[in-house]
Amino acid sequence: MRVVLAEDLVLLRDGLVRLLEAHDFEIVAAVADGPSLLTALVEQRPDVAVVDVRLPPSFTDEGLQAALRARREVPGLPVLVLSQYVEQLYARELLADGSGAVGYLLKDRVFDSAQFVDAVRRVAAGGTVMDPEVISRLLAGGAREEPVTRLSPRELEVLALMAEGRSNAAIAQRLVVTERAVAKHTANIFTKLDLVVSEDDNRRVLAVLAYLNR
């Protein structure tokens, strides 16, 4: 699996290269700034990009914006962004086009190599991965607005785990219920959020986006 990596800290960048190569990823480019990232993504068209949100020259959201620009030129390009802090706006920007194949993790997750590598693979496969800390902050944050208020407490649990990028089978295992029960909750979530069946939209991504925007 081909990877473009963007991280301005040399030691962390080298560590990520070694970690990913140890799990059979091929690093086709390892860059340190936003312009180099955009060029590498468009030219290399990797299977997945692992991107630090804050890169030179601006050290604001240069990495994220370069990745989003690349996704406009290469639709569906899988992108996993890494951030030092929880920024809900970053998550919303990533999910905004509703096409999936995106992830948002705190850099601390890198130290759990199994969790990090699993997240990279899930994003590369078209999944959506949200850091559990982002979900926790959202759950702790005030009253919910429509349409998420329509969801039951159990449906909110399912949606929170869905936002972390978990499959129905993984959600069932986490909640100690059957996969059929999770499928029923998921169908109810889609109905209550007015997400009709569509050939173009990923309803799981749109449900997560509604959750983040509440």
N, C-alpha and C. Protein backbone atom coordinates (compact mmCIF):
# COMPACT_ATOMS: atom_id res chain seq x y z
N MET A 1 0.84 -1.19 0.00
CA MET A 1 0.00 0.00 0.00
C MET A 1 0.88 1.25 0.00
N ARG A 2 0.64 2.15 -0.93
CA ARG A 2 1.49 3.32 -1.12
C ARG A 2 1.01 4.48 -0.25
N VAL A 3 1.96 5.14 0.44
CA VAL A 3 1.63 6.19 1.40
C VAL A 3 2.44 7.45 1.11
N VAL A 4 1.77 8.60 1.19
CA VAL A 4 2.45 9.89 1.25
C VAL A 4 2.33 10.38 2.69
N LEU A 5 3.45 10.76 3.28
CA LEU A 5 3.50 11.18 4.67
C LEU A 5 3.94 12.64 4.75
N ALA A 6 3.26 13.44 5.58
CA ALA A 6 3.64 14.84 5.77
C ALA A 6 3.75 15.14 7.26
N GLU A 7 4.95 15.47 7.70
CA GLU A 7 5.23 15.80 9.11
C GLU A 7 6.49 16.65 9.13
N ASP A 8 6.43 17.82 9.79
CA ASP A 8 7.60 18.71 9.76
C ASP A 8 8.66 18.36 10.80
N LEU A 9 8.29 17.63 11.86
CA LEU A 9 9.28 17.23 12.86
C LEU A 9 10.05 16.01 12.34
N VAL A 10 11.34 16.17 12.17
CA VAL A 10 12.15 15.14 11.54
C VAL A 10 12.09 13.81 12.29
N LEU A 11 12.24 13.85 13.60
CA LEU A 11 12.24 12.61 14.37
C LEU A 11 10.92 11.88 14.27
N LEU A 12 9.82 12.61 14.36
CA LEU A 12 8.50 11.98 14.25
C LEU A 12 8.28 11.46 12.84
N ARG A 13 8.68 12.23 11.85
CA ARG A 13 8.52 11.79 10.46
C ARG A 13 9.29 10.50 10.21
N ASP A 14 10.54 10.45 10.66
CA ASP A 14 11.33 9.25 10.47
C ASP A 14 10.74 8.07 11.23
N GLY A 15 10.22 8.34 12.43
CA GLY A 15 9.60 7.28 13.21
C GLY A 15 8.36 6.72 12.53
N LEU A 16 7.55 7.60 11.94
CA LEU A 16 6.35 7.15 11.23
C LEU A 16 6.72 6.35 9.99
N VAL A 17 7.77 6.79 9.30
CA VAL A 17 8.23 6.04 8.12
C VAL A 17 8.62 4.62 8.53
N ARG A 18 9.39 4.50 9.59
CA ARG A 18 9.83 3.17 10.03
C ARG A 18 8.65 2.32 10.49
N LEU A 19 7.73 2.93 11.21
CA LEU A 19 6.56 2.20 11.70
C LEU A 19 5.72 1.67 10.55
N LEU A 20 5.43 2.53 9.59
CA LEU A 20 4.59 2.11 8.47
C LEU A 20 5.30 1.08 7.59
N GLU A 21 6.59 1.28 7.37
CA GLU A 21 7.33 0.30 6.56
C GLU A 21 7.38 -1.06 7.25
N ALA A 22 7.41 -1.06 8.57
CA ALA A 22 7.42 -2.32 9.31
C ALA A 22 6.11 -3.08 9.16
N HIS A 23 5.06 -2.37 8.75
CA HIS A 23 3.75 -3.00 8.54
C HIS A 23 3.41 -3.09 7.05
N ASP A 24 4.46 -3.14 6.24
CA ASP A 24 4.33 -3.41 4.80
C ASP A 24 3.71 -2.28 3.99
N PHE A 25 3.80 -1.05 4.48
CA PHE A 25 3.41 0.10 3.67
C PHE A 25 4.64 0.57 2.90
N GLU A 26 4.41 1.12 1.71
CA GLU A 26 5.49 1.72 0.92
C GLU A 26 5.37 3.23 0.99
N ILE A 27 6.39 3.89 1.53
CA ILE A 27 6.37 5.35 1.63
C ILE A 27 6.89 5.92 0.31
N VAL A 28 6.00 6.50 -0.48
CA VAL A 28 6.41 7.01 -1.79
C VAL A 28 6.88 8.46 -1.69
N ALA A 29 6.52 9.15 -0.60
CA ALA A 29 7.01 10.52 -0.36
C ALA A 29 6.84 10.83 1.11
N ALA A 30 7.87 11.48 1.69
CA ALA A 30 7.81 11.94 3.08
C ALA A 30 8.24 13.40 3.06
N VAL A 31 7.28 14.31 3.27
CA VAL A 31 7.53 15.73 3.07
C VAL A 31 7.33 16.51 4.37
N ALA A 32 7.73 17.78 4.36
CA ALA A 32 7.73 18.57 5.59
C ALA A 32 6.94 19.87 5.52
N ASP A 33 6.30 20.17 4.36
CA ASP A 33 5.55 21.42 4.26
C ASP A 33 4.35 21.26 3.34
N GLY A 34 3.44 22.24 3.41
CA GLY A 34 2.20 22.17 2.66
C GLY A 34 2.36 22.10 1.16
N PRO A 35 3.13 22.99 0.54
CA PRO A 35 3.28 22.94 -0.92
C PRO A 35 3.86 21.60 -1.41
N SER A 36 4.86 21.06 -0.70
CA SER A 36 5.43 19.77 -1.09
C SER A 36 4.41 18.65 -0.95
N LEU A 37 3.56 18.76 0.07
CA LEU A 37 2.52 17.75 0.26
C LEU A 37 1.54 17.76 -0.90
N LEU A 38 1.05 18.93 -1.27
CA LEU A 38 0.10 19.02 -2.38
C LEU A 38 0.68 18.43 -3.65
N THR A 39 1.94 18.78 -3.94
CA THR A 39 2.59 18.25 -5.14
C THR A 39 2.70 16.74 -5.08
N ALA A 40 3.12 16.19 -3.94
CA ALA A 40 3.28 14.74 -3.80
C ALA A 40 1.95 14.01 -3.95
N LEU A 41 0.89 14.56 -3.36
CA LEU A 41 -0.42 13.90 -3.43
C LEU A 41 -0.95 13.85 -4.85
N VAL A 42 -0.83 14.96 -5.56
CA VAL A 42 -1.36 15.02 -6.92
C VAL A 42 -0.52 14.17 -7.88
N GLU A 43 0.80 14.20 -7.70
CA GLU A 43 1.66 13.45 -8.61
C GLU A 43 1.69 11.96 -8.29
N GLN A 44 1.76 11.62 -7.01
CA GLN A 44 1.90 10.21 -6.63
C GLN A 44 0.56 9.48 -6.54
N ARG A 45 -0.51 10.19 -6.22
CA ARG A 45 -1.84 9.58 -6.04
C ARG A 45 -1.76 8.31 -5.20
N PRO A 46 -1.36 8.47 -3.95
CA PRO A 46 -1.12 7.30 -3.09
C PRO A 46 -2.42 6.60 -2.70
N ASP A 47 -2.27 5.43 -2.10
CA ASP A 47 -3.44 4.71 -1.57
C ASP A 47 -3.98 5.39 -0.32
N VAL A 48 -3.11 6.12 0.38
CA VAL A 48 -3.53 6.87 1.56
C VAL A 48 -2.47 7.92 1.89
N ALA A 49 -2.92 9.04 2.43
CA ALA A 49 -2.01 10.09 2.90
C ALA A 49 -2.13 10.21 4.41
N VAL A 50 -1.00 10.33 5.10
CA VAL A 50 -0.97 10.57 6.54
C VAL A 50 -0.38 11.95 6.73
N VAL A 51 -1.18 12.88 7.27
CA VAL A 51 -0.85 14.30 7.17
C VAL A 51 -0.96 15.00 8.53
N ASP A 52 0.10 15.69 8.92
CA ASP A 52 0.04 16.57 10.09
C ASP A 52 -0.77 17.80 9.69
N VAL A 53 -1.73 18.19 10.55
CA VAL A 53 -2.57 19.35 10.24
C VAL A 53 -1.73 20.62 10.08
N ARG A 54 -0.80 20.84 11.01
CA ARG A 54 -0.04 22.10 11.02
C ARG A 54 1.34 21.88 10.39
N LEU A 55 1.53 22.50 9.24
CA LEU A 55 2.80 22.38 8.51
C LEU A 55 3.29 23.76 8.11
N PRO A 56 4.59 23.88 7.81
CA PRO A 56 5.09 25.12 7.23
C PRO A 56 4.42 25.34 5.87
N PRO A 57 4.29 26.58 5.38
CA PRO A 57 4.89 27.77 5.99
C PRO A 57 4.03 28.47 7.04
N SER A 58 2.73 28.16 7.12
CA SER A 58 1.86 28.94 8.01
C SER A 58 1.77 28.37 9.42
N PHE A 59 1.99 27.07 9.56
CA PHE A 59 1.85 26.39 10.86
C PHE A 59 0.46 26.60 11.47
N THR A 60 -0.55 26.73 10.61
CA THR A 60 -1.93 26.80 11.10
C THR A 60 -2.62 25.50 10.72
N ASP A 61 -3.26 25.48 9.55
CA ASP A 61 -3.87 24.24 9.07
C ASP A 61 -3.38 23.92 7.66
N GLU A 62 -2.11 24.25 7.42
CA GLU A 62 -1.53 24.10 6.08
C GLU A 62 -1.66 22.67 5.55
N GLY A 63 -1.39 21.68 6.42
CA GLY A 63 -1.46 20.29 5.99
C GLY A 63 -2.87 19.89 5.62
N LEU A 64 -3.83 20.26 6.45
CA LEU A 64 -5.23 19.94 6.17
C LEU A 64 -5.69 20.57 4.86
N GLN A 65 -5.37 21.84 4.67
CA GLN A 65 -5.83 22.52 3.46
C GLN A 65 -5.18 21.94 2.21
N ALA A 66 -3.91 21.55 2.30
CA ALA A 66 -3.24 20.92 1.15
C ALA A 66 -3.93 19.59 0.82
N ALA A 67 -4.27 18.83 1.87
CA ALA A 67 -4.95 17.56 1.66
C ALA A 67 -6.33 17.75 1.03
N LEU A 68 -7.07 18.76 1.50
CA LEU A 68 -8.39 19.01 0.95
C LEU A 68 -8.31 19.47 -0.50
N ARG A 69 -7.30 20.28 -0.81
CA ARG A 69 -7.11 20.70 -2.21
C ARG A 69 -6.78 19.50 -3.09
N ALA A 70 -5.94 18.60 -2.58
CA ALA A 70 -5.58 17.40 -3.34
C ALA A 70 -6.81 16.53 -3.58
N ARG A 71 -7.71 16.45 -2.57
CA ARG A 71 -8.93 15.65 -2.75
C ARG A 71 -9.86 16.25 -3.80
N ARG A 72 -9.79 17.56 -3.99
CA ARG A 72 -10.59 18.17 -5.06
C ARG A 72 -10.03 17.80 -6.43
N GLU A 73 -8.70 17.64 -6.51
CA GLU A 73 -8.07 17.26 -7.78
C GLU A 73 -8.08 15.76 -7.99
N VAL A 74 -8.03 15.02 -6.88
CA VAL A 74 -8.07 13.55 -6.95
C VAL A 74 -9.23 13.10 -6.05
N PRO A 75 -10.46 13.12 -6.57
CA PRO A 75 -11.63 12.81 -5.74
C PRO A 75 -11.51 11.45 -5.04
N GLY A 76 -11.87 11.46 -3.75
CA GLY A 76 -11.84 10.22 -2.99
C GLY A 76 -10.47 9.84 -2.45
N LEU A 77 -9.46 10.69 -2.65
CA LEU A 77 -8.12 10.40 -2.14
C LEU A 77 -8.18 10.18 -0.63
N PRO A 78 -7.79 9.01 -0.12
CA PRO A 78 -7.88 8.76 1.32
C PRO A 78 -6.87 9.60 2.10
N VAL A 79 -7.35 10.26 3.16
CA VAL A 79 -6.51 11.15 3.95
C VAL A 79 -6.77 10.91 5.44
N LEU A 80 -5.69 10.63 6.17
CA LEU A 80 -5.74 10.55 7.63
C LEU A 80 -4.92 11.70 8.17
N VAL A 81 -5.56 12.64 8.90
CA VAL A 81 -4.83 13.77 9.44
C VAL A 81 -4.51 13.54 10.91
N LEU A 82 -3.36 14.06 11.32
CA LEU A 82 -2.91 13.96 12.70
C LEU A 82 -2.85 15.37 13.30
N SER A 83 -3.30 15.50 14.54
CA SER A 83 -3.30 16.81 15.18
C SER A 83 -2.88 16.67 16.63
N GLN A 84 -2.25 17.71 17.14
CA GLN A 84 -1.85 17.73 18.54
C GLN A 84 -3.03 17.97 19.46
N TYR A 85 -4.07 18.64 18.93
CA TYR A 85 -5.21 19.04 19.74
C TYR A 85 -6.52 18.64 19.07
N VAL A 86 -7.58 18.59 19.87
CA VAL A 86 -8.92 18.34 19.33
C VAL A 86 -9.44 19.63 18.71
N GLU A 87 -9.69 19.61 17.42
CA GLU A 87 -10.27 20.74 16.71
C GLU A 87 -11.45 20.22 15.91
N GLN A 88 -12.67 20.47 16.42
CA GLN A 88 -13.86 19.94 15.76
C GLN A 88 -14.01 20.48 14.34
N LEU A 89 -13.55 21.70 14.10
CA LEU A 89 -13.65 22.28 12.77
C LEU A 89 -12.90 21.45 11.75
N TYR A 90 -11.72 20.92 12.14
CA TYR A 90 -10.95 20.09 11.21
C TYR A 90 -11.76 18.86 10.82
N ALA A 91 -12.39 18.24 11.80
CA ALA A 91 -13.19 17.05 11.52
C ALA A 91 -14.33 17.38 10.57
N ARG A 92 -14.97 18.51 10.79
CA ARG A 92 -16.09 18.89 9.91
C ARG A 92 -15.61 19.14 8.48
N GLU A 93 -14.46 19.81 8.35
CA GLU A 93 -13.94 20.08 7.00
C GLU A 93 -13.62 18.79 6.26
N LEU A 94 -13.05 17.85 6.99
CA LEU A 94 -12.72 16.57 6.36
C LEU A 94 -13.95 15.84 5.86
N LEU A 95 -15.01 15.89 6.64
CA LEU A 95 -16.21 15.14 6.33
C LEU A 95 -17.15 15.87 5.37
N ALA A 96 -16.86 17.12 5.07
CA ALA A 96 -17.82 17.99 4.40
C ALA A 96 -18.29 17.46 3.04
N ASP A 97 -17.43 16.79 2.28
CA ASP A 97 -17.87 16.37 0.95
C ASP A 97 -18.64 15.05 0.98
N GLY A 98 -18.71 14.40 2.16
CA GLY A 98 -19.54 13.21 2.31
C GLY A 98 -19.05 11.97 1.59
N SER A 99 -17.81 11.95 1.13
CA SER A 99 -17.34 10.82 0.32
C SER A 99 -16.56 9.78 1.11
N GLY A 100 -16.28 10.03 2.38
CA GLY A 100 -15.55 9.04 3.18
C GLY A 100 -14.07 9.02 2.89
N ALA A 101 -13.41 7.94 3.32
CA ALA A 101 -11.96 7.77 3.15
C ALA A 101 -11.20 8.90 3.83
N VAL A 102 -11.64 9.28 5.04
CA VAL A 102 -10.96 10.32 5.80
C VAL A 102 -10.85 9.90 7.27
N GLY A 103 -9.87 10.47 7.94
CA GLY A 103 -9.71 10.18 9.37
C GLY A 103 -9.07 11.35 10.08
N TYR A 104 -9.32 11.44 11.38
CA TYR A 104 -8.77 12.50 12.22
C TYR A 104 -8.34 11.86 13.53
N LEU A 105 -7.03 11.86 13.79
CA LEU A 105 -6.50 11.26 15.02
C LEU A 105 -5.61 12.26 15.74
N LEU A 106 -5.62 12.17 17.06
CA LEU A 106 -4.63 12.89 17.83
C LEU A 106 -3.28 12.19 17.70
N LYS A 107 -2.21 12.96 17.76
CA LYS A 107 -0.88 12.38 17.58
C LYS A 107 -0.54 11.34 18.64
N ASP A 108 -1.16 11.44 19.81
CA ASP A 108 -0.89 10.46 20.86
C ASP A 108 -1.20 9.05 20.39
N ARG A 109 -2.14 8.90 19.45
CA ARG A 109 -2.53 7.56 18.99
C ARG A 109 -1.39 6.87 18.25
N VAL A 110 -0.44 7.64 17.75
CA VAL A 110 0.68 7.06 17.01
C VAL A 110 1.46 6.10 17.91
N PHE A 111 1.47 6.37 19.22
CA PHE A 111 2.25 5.54 20.13
C PHE A 111 1.61 4.17 20.36
N ASP A 112 0.34 4.02 19.99
CA ASP A 112 -0.30 2.71 19.98
C ASP A 112 -0.25 2.25 18.53
N SER A 113 0.82 1.54 18.17
CA SER A 113 1.08 1.23 16.77
C SER A 113 -0.05 0.43 16.13
N ALA A 114 -0.64 -0.50 16.88
CA ALA A 114 -1.71 -1.33 16.32
C ALA A 114 -2.93 -0.47 15.98
N GLN A 115 -3.29 0.43 16.89
CA GLN A 115 -4.44 1.31 16.66
C GLN A 115 -4.17 2.25 15.49
N PHE A 116 -2.96 2.79 15.44
CA PHE A 116 -2.63 3.73 14.38
C PHE A 116 -2.64 3.04 13.01
N VAL A 117 -1.98 1.90 12.91
CA VAL A 117 -1.92 1.18 11.64
C VAL A 117 -3.32 0.75 11.20
N ASP A 118 -4.14 0.33 12.15
CA ASP A 118 -5.52 -0.04 11.82
C ASP A 118 -6.28 1.15 11.26
N ALA A 119 -6.07 2.33 11.84
CA ALA A 119 -6.74 3.54 11.34
C ALA A 119 -6.29 3.87 9.92
N VAL A 120 -5.00 3.75 9.65
CA VAL A 120 -4.48 4.02 8.30
C VAL A 120 -5.14 3.06 7.30
N ARG A 121 -5.24 1.80 7.67
CA ARG A 121 -5.81 0.81 6.75
C ARG A 121 -7.31 1.05 6.52
N ARG A 122 -8.01 1.42 7.59
CA ARG A 122 -9.45 1.66 7.45
C ARG A 122 -9.72 2.86 6.54
N VAL A 123 -8.93 3.92 6.70
CA VAL A 123 -9.09 5.09 5.83
C VAL A 123 -8.76 4.72 4.38
N ALA A 124 -7.68 3.99 4.19
CA ALA A 124 -7.28 3.57 2.83
C ALA A 124 -8.38 2.73 2.17
N ALA A 125 -9.12 1.99 2.98
CA ALA A 125 -10.19 1.13 2.45
C ALA A 125 -11.49 1.90 2.23
N GLY A 126 -11.48 3.22 2.49
CA GLY A 126 -12.66 4.03 2.25
C GLY A 126 -13.47 4.33 3.49
N GLY A 127 -12.96 3.93 4.66
CA GLY A 127 -13.69 4.16 5.89
C GLY A 127 -13.48 5.55 6.46
N THR A 128 -14.22 5.84 7.53
CA THR A 128 -14.11 7.12 8.23
C THR A 128 -13.69 6.85 9.67
N VAL A 129 -12.61 7.46 10.11
CA VAL A 129 -12.07 7.23 11.45
C VAL A 129 -11.99 8.55 12.19
N MET A 130 -12.66 8.62 13.34
CA MET A 130 -12.61 9.82 14.17
C MET A 130 -11.99 9.45 15.51
N ASP A 131 -11.13 10.31 16.02
CA ASP A 131 -10.47 10.04 17.29
C ASP A 131 -11.50 9.96 18.42
N PRO A 132 -11.38 8.97 19.30
CA PRO A 132 -12.32 8.86 20.43
C PRO A 132 -12.39 10.12 21.28
N GLU A 133 -11.28 10.86 21.38
CA GLU A 133 -11.29 12.08 22.18
C GLU A 133 -12.20 13.15 21.57
N VAL A 134 -12.24 13.19 20.23
CA VAL A 134 -13.15 14.13 19.57
C VAL A 134 -14.59 13.76 19.91
N ILE A 135 -14.89 12.48 19.87
CA ILE A 135 -16.24 12.02 20.18
C ILE A 135 -16.59 12.33 21.62
N SER A 136 -15.64 12.12 22.54
CA SER A 136 -15.88 12.40 23.96
C SER A 136 -16.19 13.88 24.17
N ARG A 137 -15.43 14.75 23.48
CA ARG A 137 -15.67 16.19 23.62
C ARG A 137 -17.07 16.56 23.12
N LEU A 138 -17.46 15.91 22.02
CA LEU A 138 -18.78 16.20 21.47
C LEU A 138 -19.89 15.73 22.40
N LEU A 139 -19.69 14.54 22.99
CA LEU A 139 -20.69 14.01 23.91
C LEU A 139 -20.83 14.89 25.14
N ALA A 140 -19.72 15.52 25.55
CA ALA A 140 -19.72 16.34 26.76
C ALA A 140 -20.24 17.75 26.51
N GLY A 141 -20.45 18.08 25.26
CA GLY A 141 -20.70 19.48 24.93
C GLY A 141 -22.14 19.87 24.77
N GLY A 142 -22.81 20.13 25.86
CA GLY A 142 -24.09 20.83 25.80
C GLY A 142 -25.24 20.09 25.18
N ALA A 143 -26.33 20.82 24.99
CA ALA A 143 -27.56 20.24 24.48
C ALA A 143 -27.46 19.97 23.00
N ARG A 144 -28.10 18.92 22.57
CA ARG A 144 -28.08 18.54 21.17
C ARG A 144 -29.21 19.22 20.42
N GLU A 145 -28.97 19.57 19.20
CA GLU A 145 -29.96 20.22 18.37
C GLU A 145 -30.53 19.20 17.40
N GLU A 146 -31.64 19.56 16.78
CA GLU A 146 -32.21 18.73 15.72
C GLU A 146 -31.19 18.59 14.60
N PRO A 147 -31.23 17.44 13.87
CA PRO A 147 -32.10 16.29 14.05
C PRO A 147 -31.55 15.22 15.01
N VAL A 148 -30.38 15.44 15.60
CA VAL A 148 -29.78 14.41 16.45
C VAL A 148 -30.62 14.17 17.71
N THR A 149 -31.44 15.15 18.10
CA THR A 149 -32.27 14.97 19.29
C THR A 149 -33.29 13.85 19.12
N ARG A 150 -33.53 13.45 17.90
CA ARG A 150 -34.48 12.37 17.65
C ARG A 150 -33.93 11.01 18.07
N LEU A 151 -32.62 10.93 18.24
CA LEU A 151 -32.00 9.63 18.51
C LEU A 151 -32.14 9.23 19.97
N SER A 152 -32.30 7.92 20.19
CA SER A 152 -32.34 7.38 21.54
C SER A 152 -30.93 7.34 22.11
N PRO A 153 -30.78 7.17 23.44
CA PRO A 153 -29.43 7.04 24.02
C PRO A 153 -28.61 5.93 23.39
N ARG A 154 -29.24 4.78 23.11
CA ARG A 154 -28.51 3.67 22.48
C ARG A 154 -28.10 4.04 21.06
N GLU A 155 -28.97 4.71 20.32
CA GLU A 155 -28.63 5.11 18.97
C GLU A 155 -27.48 6.12 18.97
N LEU A 156 -27.44 7.00 19.97
CA LEU A 156 -26.31 7.92 20.10
C LEU A 156 -25.02 7.18 20.37
N GLU A 157 -25.09 6.13 21.19
CA GLU A 157 -23.90 5.31 21.43
C GLU A 157 -23.40 4.69 20.13
N VAL A 158 -24.33 4.15 19.37
CA VAL A 158 -23.97 3.52 18.09
C VAL A 158 -23.36 4.56 17.15
N LEU A 159 -23.96 5.74 17.09
CA LEU A 159 -23.46 6.79 16.20
C LEU A 159 -22.08 7.27 16.64
N ALA A 160 -21.85 7.37 17.95
CA ALA A 160 -20.54 7.78 18.45
C ALA A 160 -19.47 6.78 18.03
N LEU A 161 -19.78 5.49 18.13
CA LEU A 161 -18.82 4.46 17.71
C LEU A 161 -18.67 4.44 16.20
N MET A 162 -19.75 4.72 15.49
CA MET A 162 -19.67 4.83 14.03
C MET A 162 -18.73 5.95 13.65
N ALA A 163 -18.78 7.06 14.41
CA ALA A 163 -17.93 8.21 14.13
C ALA A 163 -16.46 7.89 14.32
N GLU A 164 -16.17 6.89 15.16
CA GLU A 164 -14.78 6.46 15.35
C GLU A 164 -14.30 5.58 14.19
N GLY A 165 -15.21 5.26 13.26
CA GLY A 165 -14.85 4.45 12.11
C GLY A 165 -15.09 2.97 12.28
N ARG A 166 -15.83 2.59 13.32
CA ARG A 166 -16.05 1.17 13.61
C ARG A 166 -17.13 0.59 12.70
N SER A 167 -16.94 -0.66 12.30
CA SER A 167 -17.93 -1.39 11.51
C SER A 167 -19.07 -1.84 12.42
N ASN A 168 -20.15 -2.33 11.81
CA ASN A 168 -21.26 -2.84 12.61
C ASN A 168 -20.81 -3.99 13.51
N ALA A 169 -19.94 -4.85 12.98
CA ALA A 169 -19.45 -5.98 13.78
C ALA A 169 -18.65 -5.49 14.99
N ALA A 170 -17.81 -4.49 14.78
CA ALA A 170 -17.00 -3.95 15.88
C ALA A 170 -17.88 -3.24 16.91
N ILE A 171 -18.91 -2.54 16.44
CA ILE A 171 -19.84 -1.87 17.36
C ILE A 171 -20.58 -2.91 18.20
N ALA A 172 -21.02 -3.98 17.55
CA ALA A 172 -21.72 -5.04 18.26
C ALA A 172 -20.85 -5.64 19.36
N GLN A 173 -19.58 -5.85 19.04
CA GLN A 173 -18.65 -6.41 20.02
C GLN A 173 -18.45 -5.44 21.19
N ARG A 174 -18.34 -4.16 20.89
CA ARG A 174 -18.11 -3.15 21.92
C ARG A 174 -19.32 -3.02 22.86
N LEU A 175 -20.53 -3.07 22.29
CA LEU A 175 -21.74 -2.87 23.08
C LEU A 175 -22.32 -4.19 23.61
N VAL A 176 -21.68 -5.29 23.24
CA VAL A 176 -22.11 -6.64 23.67
C VAL A 176 -23.57 -6.87 23.24
N VAL A 177 -23.82 -6.64 21.96
CA VAL A 177 -25.12 -6.94 21.37
C VAL A 177 -24.87 -7.67 20.05
N THR A 178 -25.95 -8.11 19.40
CA THR A 178 -25.79 -8.80 18.13
C THR A 178 -25.55 -7.80 17.00
N GLU A 179 -24.90 -8.28 15.95
CA GLU A 179 -24.68 -7.41 14.79
C GLU A 179 -26.02 -7.01 14.16
N ARG A 180 -27.01 -7.91 14.25
CA ARG A 180 -28.35 -7.60 13.73
C ARG A 180 -28.96 -6.42 14.49
N ALA A 181 -28.74 -6.40 15.80
CA ALA A 181 -29.27 -5.28 16.60
C ALA A 181 -28.61 -3.97 16.18
N VAL A 182 -27.31 -4.01 15.94
CA VAL A 182 -26.61 -2.79 15.50
C VAL A 182 -27.14 -2.34 14.14
N ALA A 183 -27.37 -3.29 13.24
CA ALA A 183 -27.91 -2.94 11.92
C ALA A 183 -29.27 -2.26 12.05
N LYS A 184 -30.08 -2.74 13.01
CA LYS A 184 -31.39 -2.13 13.24
C LYS A 184 -31.24 -0.70 13.78
N HIS A 185 -30.32 -0.52 14.75
CA HIS A 185 -30.07 0.82 15.27
C HIS A 185 -29.57 1.76 14.17
N THR A 186 -28.68 1.23 13.33
CA THR A 186 -28.12 2.04 12.25
C THR A 186 -29.21 2.48 11.28
N ALA A 187 -30.10 1.55 10.94
CA ALA A 187 -31.22 1.89 10.04
C ALA A 187 -32.10 2.97 10.68
N ASN A 188 -32.33 2.86 11.98
CA ASN A 188 -33.13 3.87 12.69
C ASN A 188 -32.45 5.23 12.67
N ILE A 189 -31.12 5.22 12.85
CA ILE A 189 -30.35 6.48 12.81
C ILE A 189 -30.52 7.15 11.46
N PHE A 190 -30.35 6.39 10.38
CA PHE A 190 -30.48 6.96 9.04
C PHE A 190 -31.88 7.54 8.83
N THR A 191 -32.90 6.82 9.31
CA THR A 191 -34.29 7.28 9.15
C THR A 191 -34.53 8.57 9.92
N LYS A 192 -34.09 8.59 11.18
CA LYS A 192 -34.32 9.76 12.02
C LYS A 192 -33.54 10.98 11.57
N LEU A 193 -32.40 10.75 10.90
CA LEU A 193 -31.60 11.87 10.38
C LEU A 193 -31.98 12.23 8.95
N ASP A 194 -33.07 11.60 8.45
CA ASP A 194 -33.58 11.88 7.10
C ASP A 194 -32.54 11.59 6.01
N LEU A 195 -31.77 10.53 6.21
CA LEU A 195 -30.76 10.14 5.23
C LEU A 195 -31.32 9.02 4.36
N VAL A 196 -31.87 9.40 3.23
CA VAL A 196 -32.49 8.41 2.34
C VAL A 196 -31.41 7.68 1.55
N VAL A 197 -31.77 6.51 1.05
CA VAL A 197 -30.83 5.72 0.24
C VAL A 197 -30.45 6.51 -1.00
N SER A 198 -29.15 6.55 -1.29
CA SER A 198 -28.64 7.29 -2.45
C SER A 198 -27.44 6.57 -3.02
N GLU A 199 -27.31 6.59 -4.35
CA GLU A 199 -26.15 5.97 -4.98
C GLU A 199 -24.89 6.80 -4.81
N ASP A 200 -25.06 8.09 -4.52
CA ASP A 200 -23.91 9.00 -4.48
C ASP A 200 -23.37 9.26 -3.09
N ASP A 201 -24.24 9.17 -2.06
CA ASP A 201 -23.84 9.59 -0.73
C ASP A 201 -23.53 8.40 0.17
N ASN A 202 -22.51 8.54 0.97
CA ASN A 202 -22.18 7.56 2.00
C ASN A 202 -22.96 7.96 3.24
N ARG A 203 -24.00 7.19 3.56
CA ARG A 203 -24.89 7.61 4.65
C ARG A 203 -24.20 7.56 6.01
N ARG A 204 -23.24 6.66 6.18
CA ARG A 204 -22.51 6.63 7.45
C ARG A 204 -21.73 7.93 7.64
N VAL A 205 -21.11 8.41 6.58
CA VAL A 205 -20.36 9.67 6.67
C VAL A 205 -21.30 10.83 6.94
N LEU A 206 -22.44 10.86 6.26
CA LEU A 206 -23.39 11.94 6.46
C LEU A 206 -23.98 11.92 7.86
N ALA A 207 -24.18 10.72 8.41
CA ALA A 207 -24.68 10.62 9.79
C ALA A 207 -23.65 11.17 10.77
N VAL A 208 -22.39 10.83 10.56
CA VAL A 208 -21.32 11.35 11.41
C VAL A 208 -21.22 12.86 11.30
N LEU A 209 -21.37 13.38 10.08
CA LEU A 209 -21.31 14.82 9.87
C LEU A 209 -22.44 15.52 10.62
N ALA A 210 -23.64 14.95 10.58
CA ALA A 210 -24.77 15.51 11.34
C ALA A 210 -24.47 15.51 12.82
N TYR A 211 -23.82 14.44 13.26
CA TYR A 211 -23.45 14.31 14.69
C TYR A 211 -22.45 15.40 15.09
N LEU A 212 -21.45 15.62 14.26
CA LEU A 212 -20.43 16.62 14.56
C LEU A 212 -20.98 18.04 14.50
N ASN A 213 -21.99 18.26 13.67
CA ASN A 213 -22.51 19.61 13.48
C ASN A 213 -23.63 19.96 14.45
N ARG A 214 -23.94 19.07 15.38
CA ARG A 214 -25.07 19.34 16.27
C ARG A 214 -24.77 20.42 17.29
